[in-house]
mmCIF file of all heavy atoms, coordinates in Angstrom:
data_MODEL
# 
_entry.id   MODEL 
# 
loop_
_atom_site.group_PDB 
_atom_site.id 
_atom_site.type_symbol 
_atom_site.label_atom_id 
_atom_site.label_alt_id 
_atom_site.label_comp_id 
_atom_site.label_asym_id 
_atom_site.label_entity_id 
_atom_site.label_seq_id 
_atom_site.pdbx_PDB_ins_code 
_atom_site.Cartn_x 
_atom_site.Cartn_y 
_atom_site.Cartn_z 
_atom_site.occupancy 
_atom_site.B_iso_or_equiv 
_atom_site.pdbx_formal_charge 
_atom_site.auth_seq_id 
_atom_site.auth_comp_id 
_atom_site.auth_asym_id 
_atom_site.auth_atom_id 
_atom_site.pdbx_PDB_model_num 
ATOM 1   N N   . CYS A 1 1  ? 14.284  12.539  6.059  1.00 0.00 ? 1  CYS A N   1 
ATOM 2   C CA  . CYS A 1 1  ? 14.646  12.654  4.620  1.00 0.00 ? 1  CYS A CA  1 
ATOM 3   C C   . CYS A 1 1  ? 14.369  13.942  4.036  1.00 0.00 ? 1  CYS A C   1 
ATOM 4   O O   . CYS A 1 1  ? 14.837  14.220  2.920  1.00 0.00 ? 1  CYS A O   1 
ATOM 5   C CB  . CYS A 1 1  ? 13.774  11.604  3.850  1.00 0.00 ? 1  CYS A CB  1 
ATOM 6   S SG  . CYS A 1 1  ? 14.076  9.833   4.328  1.00 0.00 ? 1  CYS A SG  1 
ATOM 7   N N   . GLY A 1 2  ? 13.852  14.800  4.820  1.00 0.00 ? 2  GLY A N   1 
ATOM 8   C CA  . GLY A 1 2  ? 13.526  16.124  4.254  1.00 0.00 ? 2  GLY A CA  1 
ATOM 9   C C   . GLY A 1 2  ? 12.378  16.195  3.372  1.00 0.00 ? 2  GLY A C   1 
ATOM 10  O O   . GLY A 1 2  ? 12.048  17.264  2.773  1.00 0.00 ? 2  GLY A O   1 
ATOM 11  N N   . ARG A 1 3  ? 11.614  15.190  3.248  1.00 0.00 ? 3  ARG A N   1 
ATOM 12  C CA  . ARG A 1 3  ? 10.380  15.123  2.431  1.00 0.00 ? 3  ARG A CA  1 
ATOM 13  C C   . ARG A 1 3  ? 9.635   13.919  2.778  1.00 0.00 ? 3  ARG A C   1 
ATOM 14  O O   . ARG A 1 3  ? 10.251  12.848  3.238  1.00 0.00 ? 3  ARG A O   1 
ATOM 15  C CB  . ARG A 1 3  ? 10.748  15.125  0.877  1.00 0.00 ? 3  ARG A CB  1 
ATOM 16  C CG  . ARG A 1 3  ? 11.495  13.876  0.488  1.00 0.00 ? 3  ARG A CG  1 
ATOM 17  C CD  . ARG A 1 3  ? 12.155  13.935  -0.932 1.00 0.00 ? 3  ARG A CD  1 
ATOM 18  N NE  . ARG A 1 3  ? 11.325  14.238  -2.006 1.00 0.00 ? 3  ARG A NE  1 
ATOM 19  C CZ  . ARG A 1 3  ? 11.599  13.961  -3.192 1.00 0.00 ? 3  ARG A CZ  1 
ATOM 20  N NH1 . ARG A 1 3  ? 12.884  13.569  -3.551 1.00 0.00 ? 3  ARG A NH1 1 
ATOM 21  N NH2 . ARG A 1 3  ? 10.770  14.132  -4.223 1.00 0.00 ? 3  ARG A NH2 1 
ATOM 22  N N   . ALA A 1 4  ? 8.316   13.941  2.637  1.00 0.00 ? 4  ALA A N   1 
ATOM 23  C CA  . ALA A 1 4  ? 7.483   12.827  2.882  1.00 0.00 ? 4  ALA A CA  1 
ATOM 24  C C   . ALA A 1 4  ? 7.661   11.701  1.926  1.00 0.00 ? 4  ALA A C   1 
ATOM 25  O O   . ALA A 1 4  ? 7.976   11.957  0.705  1.00 0.00 ? 4  ALA A O   1 
ATOM 26  C CB  . ALA A 1 4  ? 5.992   13.196  2.995  1.00 0.00 ? 4  ALA A CB  1 
ATOM 27  N N   . ILE A 1 5  ? 7.504   10.424  2.384  1.00 0.00 ? 5  ILE A N   1 
ATOM 28  C CA  . ILE A 1 5  ? 7.572   9.225   1.471  1.00 0.00 ? 5  ILE A CA  1 
ATOM 29  C C   . ILE A 1 5  ? 6.042   8.769   1.482  1.00 0.00 ? 5  ILE A C   1 
ATOM 30  O O   . ILE A 1 5  ? 5.557   8.285   2.399  1.00 0.00 ? 5  ILE A O   1 
ATOM 31  C CB  . ILE A 1 5  ? 8.537   8.235   1.961  1.00 0.00 ? 5  ILE A CB  1 
ATOM 32  C CG1 . ILE A 1 5  ? 9.965   8.673   1.942  1.00 0.00 ? 5  ILE A CG1 1 
ATOM 33  C CG2 . ILE A 1 5  ? 8.429   6.971   1.039  1.00 0.00 ? 5  ILE A CG2 1 
ATOM 34  C CD1 . ILE A 1 5  ? 10.975  7.813   2.584  1.00 0.00 ? 5  ILE A CD1 1 
ATOM 35  N N   . GLU A 1 6  ? 5.510   8.724   0.272  1.00 0.00 ? 6  GLU A N   1 
ATOM 36  C CA  . GLU A 1 6  ? 4.049   8.376   0.081  1.00 0.00 ? 6  GLU A CA  1 
ATOM 37  C C   . GLU A 1 6  ? 3.850   7.214   -0.708 1.00 0.00 ? 6  GLU A C   1 
ATOM 38  O O   . GLU A 1 6  ? 4.379   7.236   -1.956 1.00 0.00 ? 6  GLU A O   1 
ATOM 39  C CB  . GLU A 1 6  ? 3.310   9.665   -0.418 1.00 0.00 ? 6  GLU A CB  1 
ATOM 40  C CG  . GLU A 1 6  ? 1.820   9.568   -0.493 1.00 0.00 ? 6  GLU A CG  1 
ATOM 41  C CD  . GLU A 1 6  ? 1.161   10.785  -1.042 1.00 0.00 ? 6  GLU A CD  1 
ATOM 42  O OE1 . GLU A 1 6  ? 1.878   11.825  -1.482 1.00 0.00 ? 6  GLU A OE1 1 
ATOM 43  O OE2 . GLU A 1 6  ? -0.111  10.810  -1.174 1.00 0.00 ? 6  GLU A OE2 1 
ATOM 44  N N   . ILE A 1 7  ? 3.117   6.237   -0.298 1.00 0.00 ? 7  ILE A N   1 
ATOM 45  C CA  . ILE A 1 7  ? 2.701   5.092   -1.072 1.00 0.00 ? 7  ILE A CA  1 
ATOM 46  C C   . ILE A 1 7  ? 1.624   5.387   -1.971 1.00 0.00 ? 7  ILE A C   1 
ATOM 47  O O   . ILE A 1 7  ? 0.475   5.717   -1.518 1.00 0.00 ? 7  ILE A O   1 
ATOM 48  C CB  . ILE A 1 7  ? 2.401   3.843   -0.215 1.00 0.00 ? 7  ILE A CB  1 
ATOM 49  C CG1 . ILE A 1 7  ? 3.537   3.522   0.788  1.00 0.00 ? 7  ILE A CG1 1 
ATOM 50  C CG2 . ILE A 1 7  ? 2.121   2.677   -1.147 1.00 0.00 ? 7  ILE A CG2 1 
ATOM 51  C CD1 . ILE A 1 7  ? 3.142   2.493   1.839  1.00 0.00 ? 7  ILE A CD1 1 
ATOM 52  N N   . ILE A 1 8  ? 1.853   5.584   -3.256 1.00 0.00 ? 8  ILE A N   1 
ATOM 53  C CA  . ILE A 1 8  ? 0.826   5.888   -4.323 1.00 0.00 ? 8  ILE A CA  1 
ATOM 54  C C   . ILE A 1 8  ? 0.195   4.704   -4.915 1.00 0.00 ? 8  ILE A C   1 
ATOM 55  O O   . ILE A 1 8  ? -1.116  4.743   -5.166 1.00 0.00 ? 8  ILE A O   1 
ATOM 56  C CB  . ILE A 1 8  ? 1.412   6.776   -5.398 1.00 0.00 ? 8  ILE A CB  1 
ATOM 57  C CG1 . ILE A 1 8  ? 2.002   8.037   -4.766 1.00 0.00 ? 8  ILE A CG1 1 
ATOM 58  C CG2 . ILE A 1 8  ? 0.484   7.027   -6.455 1.00 0.00 ? 8  ILE A CG2 1 
ATOM 59  C CD1 . ILE A 1 8  ? 0.984   8.973   -4.218 1.00 0.00 ? 8  ILE A CD1 1 
ATOM 60  N N   . ALA A 1 9  ? 0.907   3.581   -5.046 1.00 0.00 ? 9  ALA A N   1 
ATOM 61  C CA  . ALA A 1 9  ? 0.417   2.475   -5.853 1.00 0.00 ? 9  ALA A CA  1 
ATOM 62  C C   . ALA A 1 9  ? 0.905   1.154   -5.268 1.00 0.00 ? 9  ALA A C   1 
ATOM 63  O O   . ALA A 1 9  ? 2.051   1.110   -4.736 1.00 0.00 ? 9  ALA A O   1 
ATOM 64  C CB  . ALA A 1 9  ? 0.727   2.626   -7.356 1.00 0.00 ? 9  ALA A CB  1 
ATOM 65  N N   . VAL A 1 10 ? 0.142   0.054   -5.385 1.00 0.00 ? 10 VAL A N   1 
ATOM 66  C CA  . VAL A 1 10 ? 0.609   -1.343  -5.080 1.00 0.00 ? 10 VAL A CA  1 
ATOM 67  C C   . VAL A 1 10 ? 0.141   -2.246  -6.197 1.00 0.00 ? 10 VAL A C   1 
ATOM 68  O O   . VAL A 1 10 ? -0.764  -2.015  -6.925 1.00 0.00 ? 10 VAL A O   1 
ATOM 69  C CB  . VAL A 1 10 ? 0.197   -1.730  -3.639 1.00 0.00 ? 10 VAL A CB  1 
ATOM 70  C CG1 . VAL A 1 10 ? 0.794   -0.866  -2.541 1.00 0.00 ? 10 VAL A CG1 1 
ATOM 71  C CG2 . VAL A 1 10 ? -1.348  -1.716  -3.572 1.00 0.00 ? 10 VAL A CG2 1 
ATOM 72  N N   . SER A 1 11 ? 0.860   -3.415  -6.101 1.00 0.00 ? 11 SER A N   1 
ATOM 73  C CA  . SER A 1 11 ? 0.394   -4.443  -7.036 1.00 0.00 ? 11 SER A CA  1 
ATOM 74  C C   . SER A 1 11 ? 0.806   -5.765  -6.346 1.00 0.00 ? 11 SER A C   1 
ATOM 75  O O   . SER A 1 11 ? 1.820   -5.948  -5.650 1.00 0.00 ? 11 SER A O   1 
ATOM 76  C CB  . SER A 1 11 ? 1.194   -4.399  -8.357 1.00 0.00 ? 11 SER A CB  1 
ATOM 77  O OG  . SER A 1 11 ? 0.941   -5.535  -9.116 1.00 0.00 ? 11 SER A OG  1 
ATOM 78  N N   . ALA A 1 12 ? -0.131  -6.810  -6.446 1.00 0.00 ? 12 ALA A N   1 
ATOM 79  C CA  . ALA A 1 12 ? 0.064   -8.103  -5.873 1.00 0.00 ? 12 ALA A CA  1 
ATOM 80  C C   . ALA A 1 12 ? -0.799  -9.068  -6.604 1.00 0.00 ? 12 ALA A C   1 
ATOM 81  O O   . ALA A 1 12 ? -1.770  -8.628  -7.425 1.00 0.00 ? 12 ALA A O   1 
ATOM 82  C CB  . ALA A 1 12 ? -0.043  -8.120  -4.476 1.00 0.00 ? 12 ALA A CB  1 
ATOM 83  N N   . ARG A 1 13 ? -0.596  -10.374 -6.352 1.00 0.00 ? 13 ARG A N   1 
ATOM 84  C CA  . ARG A 1 13 ? -1.468  -11.394 -7.105 1.00 0.00 ? 13 ARG A CA  1 
ATOM 85  C C   . ARG A 1 13 ? -2.878  -11.311 -6.694 1.00 0.00 ? 13 ARG A C   1 
ATOM 86  O O   . ARG A 1 13 ? -3.795  -11.379 -7.466 1.00 0.00 ? 13 ARG A O   1 
ATOM 87  C CB  . ARG A 1 13 ? -0.902  -12.857 -6.855 1.00 0.00 ? 13 ARG A CB  1 
ATOM 88  C CG  . ARG A 1 13 ? 0.348   -13.066 -7.582 1.00 0.00 ? 13 ARG A CG  1 
ATOM 89  C CD  . ARG A 1 13 ? 0.785   -14.502 -7.330 1.00 0.00 ? 13 ARG A CD  1 
ATOM 90  N NE  . ARG A 1 13 ? 2.188   -14.705 -7.573 1.00 0.00 ? 13 ARG A NE  1 
ATOM 91  C CZ  . ARG A 1 13 ? 2.851   -15.606 -7.020 1.00 0.00 ? 13 ARG A CZ  1 
ATOM 92  N NH1 . ARG A 1 13 ? 2.379   -16.436 -6.166 1.00 0.00 ? 13 ARG A NH1 1 
ATOM 93  N NH2 . ARG A 1 13 ? 4.191   -15.719 -7.284 1.00 0.00 ? 13 ARG A NH2 1 
ATOM 94  N N   . ASP A 1 14 ? -3.161  -11.368 -5.368 1.00 0.00 ? 14 ASP A N   1 
ATOM 95  C CA  . ASP A 1 14 ? -4.460  -11.508 -4.851 1.00 0.00 ? 14 ASP A CA  1 
ATOM 96  C C   . ASP A 1 14 ? -5.042  -10.270 -4.194 1.00 0.00 ? 14 ASP A C   1 
ATOM 97  O O   . ASP A 1 14 ? -4.543  -9.921  -3.044 1.00 0.00 ? 14 ASP A O   1 
ATOM 98  C CB  . ASP A 1 14 ? -4.595  -12.669 -3.899 1.00 0.00 ? 14 ASP A CB  1 
ATOM 99  C CG  . ASP A 1 14 ? -6.020  -12.990 -3.411 1.00 0.00 ? 14 ASP A CG  1 
ATOM 100 O OD1 . ASP A 1 14 ? -6.962  -12.304 -3.736 1.00 0.00 ? 14 ASP A OD1 1 
ATOM 101 O OD2 . ASP A 1 14 ? -6.179  -13.961 -2.651 1.00 0.00 ? 14 ASP A OD2 1 
ATOM 102 N N   . ARG A 1 15 ? -5.866  -9.530  -4.727 1.00 0.00 ? 15 ARG A N   1 
ATOM 103 C CA  . ARG A 1 15 ? -6.439  -8.179  -4.185 1.00 0.00 ? 15 ARG A CA  1 
ATOM 104 C C   . ARG A 1 15 ? -7.217  -8.463  -2.922 1.00 0.00 ? 15 ARG A C   1 
ATOM 105 O O   . ARG A 1 15 ? -7.258  -7.591  -2.012 1.00 0.00 ? 15 ARG A O   1 
ATOM 106 C CB  . ARG A 1 15 ? -7.239  -7.496  -5.229 1.00 0.00 ? 15 ARG A CB  1 
ATOM 107 C CG  . ARG A 1 15 ? -7.656  -6.103  -4.725 1.00 0.00 ? 15 ARG A CG  1 
ATOM 108 C CD  . ARG A 1 15 ? -8.111  -5.312  -6.058 1.00 0.00 ? 15 ARG A CD  1 
ATOM 109 N NE  . ARG A 1 15 ? -8.464  -3.946  -5.681 1.00 0.00 ? 15 ARG A NE  1 
ATOM 110 C CZ  . ARG A 1 15 ? -8.815  -3.043  -6.645 1.00 0.00 ? 15 ARG A CZ  1 
ATOM 111 N NH1 . ARG A 1 15 ? -8.842  -3.329  -7.832 1.00 0.00 ? 15 ARG A NH1 1 
ATOM 112 N NH2 . ARG A 1 15 ? -8.992  -1.719  -6.230 1.00 0.00 ? 15 ARG A NH2 1 
ATOM 113 N N   . SER A 1 16 ? -7.863  -9.655  -2.827 1.00 0.00 ? 16 SER A N   1 
ATOM 114 C CA  . SER A 1 16 ? -8.840  -9.793  -1.616 1.00 0.00 ? 16 SER A CA  1 
ATOM 115 C C   . SER A 1 16 ? -8.137  -10.368 -0.476 1.00 0.00 ? 16 SER A C   1 
ATOM 116 O O   . SER A 1 16 ? -8.686  -10.347 0.619  1.00 0.00 ? 16 SER A O   1 
ATOM 117 C CB  . SER A 1 16 ? -9.890  -10.837 -2.131 1.00 0.00 ? 16 SER A CB  1 
ATOM 118 O OG  . SER A 1 16 ? -9.222  -12.092 -2.361 1.00 0.00 ? 16 SER A OG  1 
ATOM 119 N N   . ARG A 1 17 ? -6.833  -10.767 -0.512 1.00 0.00 ? 17 ARG A N   1 
ATOM 120 C CA  . ARG A 1 17 ? -6.069  -11.330 0.692  1.00 0.00 ? 17 ARG A CA  1 
ATOM 121 C C   . ARG A 1 17 ? -5.891  -10.242 1.760  1.00 0.00 ? 17 ARG A C   1 
ATOM 122 O O   . ARG A 1 17 ? -5.543  -9.179  1.433  1.00 0.00 ? 17 ARG A O   1 
ATOM 123 C CB  . ARG A 1 17 ? -4.868  -11.941 0.182  1.00 0.00 ? 17 ARG A CB  1 
ATOM 124 C CG  . ARG A 1 17 ? -4.059  -12.565 1.232  1.00 0.00 ? 17 ARG A CG  1 
ATOM 125 C CD  . ARG A 1 17 ? -2.691  -12.986 0.683  1.00 0.00 ? 17 ARG A CD  1 
ATOM 126 N NE  . ARG A 1 17 ? -1.764  -13.282 1.728  1.00 0.00 ? 17 ARG A NE  1 
ATOM 127 C CZ  . ARG A 1 17 ? -0.499  -13.485 1.502  1.00 0.00 ? 17 ARG A CZ  1 
ATOM 128 N NH1 . ARG A 1 17 ? 0.060   -13.378 0.276  1.00 0.00 ? 17 ARG A NH1 1 
ATOM 129 N NH2 . ARG A 1 17 ? 0.338   -13.692 2.610  1.00 0.00 ? 17 ARG A NH2 1 
ATOM 130 N N   . ASP A 1 18 ? -6.173  -10.636 2.934  1.00 0.00 ? 18 ASP A N   1 
ATOM 131 C CA  . ASP A 1 18 ? -5.908  -9.866  4.103  1.00 0.00 ? 18 ASP A CA  1 
ATOM 132 C C   . ASP A 1 18 ? -4.448  -9.919  4.516  1.00 0.00 ? 18 ASP A C   1 
ATOM 133 O O   . ASP A 1 18 ? -4.001  -10.967 4.998  1.00 0.00 ? 18 ASP A O   1 
ATOM 134 C CB  . ASP A 1 18 ? -6.823  -10.187 5.229  1.00 0.00 ? 18 ASP A CB  1 
ATOM 135 C CG  . ASP A 1 18 ? -6.685  -9.342  6.549  1.00 0.00 ? 18 ASP A CG  1 
ATOM 136 O OD1 . ASP A 1 18 ? -5.957  -8.210  6.324  1.00 0.00 ? 18 ASP A OD1 1 
ATOM 137 O OD2 . ASP A 1 18 ? -7.174  -9.625  7.652  1.00 0.00 ? 18 ASP A OD2 1 
ATOM 138 N N   . ARG A 1 19 ? -3.697  -8.892  4.333  1.00 0.00 ? 19 ARG A N   1 
ATOM 139 C CA  . ARG A 1 19 ? -2.357  -8.864  4.675  1.00 0.00 ? 19 ARG A CA  1 
ATOM 140 C C   . ARG A 1 19 ? -2.048  -8.077  5.930  1.00 0.00 ? 19 ARG A C   1 
ATOM 141 O O   . ARG A 1 19 ? -0.888  -7.882  6.265  1.00 0.00 ? 19 ARG A O   1 
ATOM 142 C CB  . ARG A 1 19 ? -1.533  -8.271  3.498  1.00 0.00 ? 19 ARG A CB  1 
ATOM 143 C CG  . ARG A 1 19 ? -1.736  -8.997  2.175  1.00 0.00 ? 19 ARG A CG  1 
ATOM 144 C CD  . ARG A 1 19 ? -1.084  -8.294  0.978  1.00 0.00 ? 19 ARG A CD  1 
ATOM 145 N NE  . ARG A 1 19 ? -1.026  -9.100  -0.188 1.00 0.00 ? 19 ARG A NE  1 
ATOM 146 C CZ  . ARG A 1 19 ? -2.006  -9.187  -0.972 1.00 0.00 ? 19 ARG A CZ  1 
ATOM 147 N NH1 . ARG A 1 19 ? -3.261  -8.528  -0.802 1.00 0.00 ? 19 ARG A NH1 1 
ATOM 148 N NH2 . ARG A 1 19 ? -1.924  -10.018 -2.036 1.00 0.00 ? 19 ARG A NH2 1 
ATOM 149 N N   . GLY A 1 20 ? -3.029  -7.638  6.692  1.00 0.00 ? 20 GLY A N   1 
ATOM 150 C CA  . GLY A 1 20 ? -2.825  -6.873  7.934  1.00 0.00 ? 20 GLY A CA  1 
ATOM 151 C C   . GLY A 1 20 ? -2.314  -5.564  7.716  1.00 0.00 ? 20 GLY A C   1 
ATOM 152 O O   . GLY A 1 20 ? -1.831  -4.924  8.694  1.00 0.00 ? 20 GLY A O   1 
ATOM 153 N N   . ILE A 1 21 ? -2.513  -4.994  6.525  1.00 0.00 ? 21 ILE A N   1 
ATOM 154 C CA  . ILE A 1 21 ? -2.104  -3.518  6.246  1.00 0.00 ? 21 ILE A CA  1 
ATOM 155 C C   . ILE A 1 21 ? -3.320  -2.813  5.712  1.00 0.00 ? 21 ILE A C   1 
ATOM 156 O O   . ILE A 1 21 ? -4.179  -3.395  5.082  1.00 0.00 ? 21 ILE A O   1 
ATOM 157 C CB  . ILE A 1 21 ? -0.846  -3.518  5.334  1.00 0.00 ? 21 ILE A CB  1 
ATOM 158 C CG1 . ILE A 1 21 ? -1.217  -4.347  4.113  1.00 0.00 ? 21 ILE A CG1 1 
ATOM 159 C CG2 . ILE A 1 21 ? 0.352   -4.065  6.000  1.00 0.00 ? 21 ILE A CG2 1 
ATOM 160 C CD1 . ILE A 1 21 ? -0.016  -4.445  3.085  1.00 0.00 ? 21 ILE A CD1 1 
ATOM 161 N N   . ASP A 1 22 ? -3.209  -1.461  5.803  1.00 0.00 ? 22 ASP A N   1 
ATOM 162 C CA  . ASP A 1 22 ? -4.268  -0.490  5.339  1.00 0.00 ? 22 ASP A CA  1 
ATOM 163 C C   . ASP A 1 22 ? -3.848  -0.051  4.000  1.00 0.00 ? 22 ASP A C   1 
ATOM 164 O O   . ASP A 1 22 ? -2.931  0.664   3.806  1.00 0.00 ? 22 ASP A O   1 
ATOM 165 C CB  . ASP A 1 22 ? -4.469  0.552   6.343  1.00 0.00 ? 22 ASP A CB  1 
ATOM 166 C CG  . ASP A 1 22 ? -5.570  1.455   5.925  1.00 0.00 ? 22 ASP A CG  1 
ATOM 167 O OD1 . ASP A 1 22 ? -6.276  1.208   4.941  1.00 0.00 ? 22 ASP A OD1 1 
ATOM 168 O OD2 . ASP A 1 22 ? -5.731  2.613   6.462  1.00 0.00 ? 22 ASP A OD2 1 
ATOM 169 N N   . LEU A 1 23 ? -4.709  -0.427  2.920  1.00 0.00 ? 23 LEU A N   1 
ATOM 170 C CA  . LEU A 1 23 ? -4.330  -0.044  1.542  1.00 0.00 ? 23 LEU A CA  1 
ATOM 171 C C   . LEU A 1 23 ? -5.405  1.035   1.058  1.00 0.00 ? 23 LEU A C   1 
ATOM 172 O O   . LEU A 1 23 ? -5.414  1.287   -0.089 1.00 0.00 ? 23 LEU A O   1 
ATOM 173 C CB  . LEU A 1 23 ? -4.308  -1.285  0.627  1.00 0.00 ? 23 LEU A CB  1 
ATOM 174 C CG  . LEU A 1 23 ? -3.241  -2.276  0.948  1.00 0.00 ? 23 LEU A CG  1 
ATOM 175 C CD1 . LEU A 1 23 ? -3.323  -3.458  0.001  1.00 0.00 ? 23 LEU A CD1 1 
ATOM 176 C CD2 . LEU A 1 23 ? -1.814  -1.636  0.912  1.00 0.00 ? 23 LEU A CD2 1 
ATOM 177 N N   . LYS A 1 24 ? -6.189  1.588   1.988  1.00 0.00 ? 24 LYS A N   1 
ATOM 178 C CA  . LYS A 1 24 ? -7.088  2.491   1.538  1.00 0.00 ? 24 LYS A CA  1 
ATOM 179 C C   . LYS A 1 24 ? -6.449  3.919   0.974  1.00 0.00 ? 24 LYS A C   1 
ATOM 180 O O   . LYS A 1 24 ? -5.418  4.295   1.538  1.00 0.00 ? 24 LYS A O   1 
ATOM 181 C CB  . LYS A 1 24 ? -8.038  2.990   2.769  1.00 0.00 ? 24 LYS A CB  1 
ATOM 182 C CG  . LYS A 1 24 ? -8.940  1.987   3.195  1.00 0.00 ? 24 LYS A CG  1 
ATOM 183 C CD  . LYS A 1 24 ? -10.091 2.598   4.061  1.00 0.00 ? 24 LYS A CD  1 
ATOM 184 C CE  . LYS A 1 24 ? -9.909  2.510   5.486  1.00 0.00 ? 24 LYS A CE  1 
ATOM 185 N NZ  . LYS A 1 24 ? -9.529  1.529   6.267  1.00 0.00 ? 24 LYS A NZ  1 
ATOM 186 N N   . GLY A 1 25 ? -7.006  4.273   -0.078 1.00 0.00 ? 25 GLY A N   1 
ATOM 187 C CA  . GLY A 1 25 ? -6.510  5.473   -0.815 1.00 0.00 ? 25 GLY A CA  1 
ATOM 188 C C   . GLY A 1 25 ? -5.254  5.189   -1.692 1.00 0.00 ? 25 GLY A C   1 
ATOM 189 O O   . GLY A 1 25 ? -4.691  6.115   -2.284 1.00 0.00 ? 25 GLY A O   1 
# 
């Protein structure tokens, strides 16, 4: 893409649910 794609923010119903993904930072 010629530039990085960075996940800055997320939103979902349940913050405590384990989705098997790393959301640190």
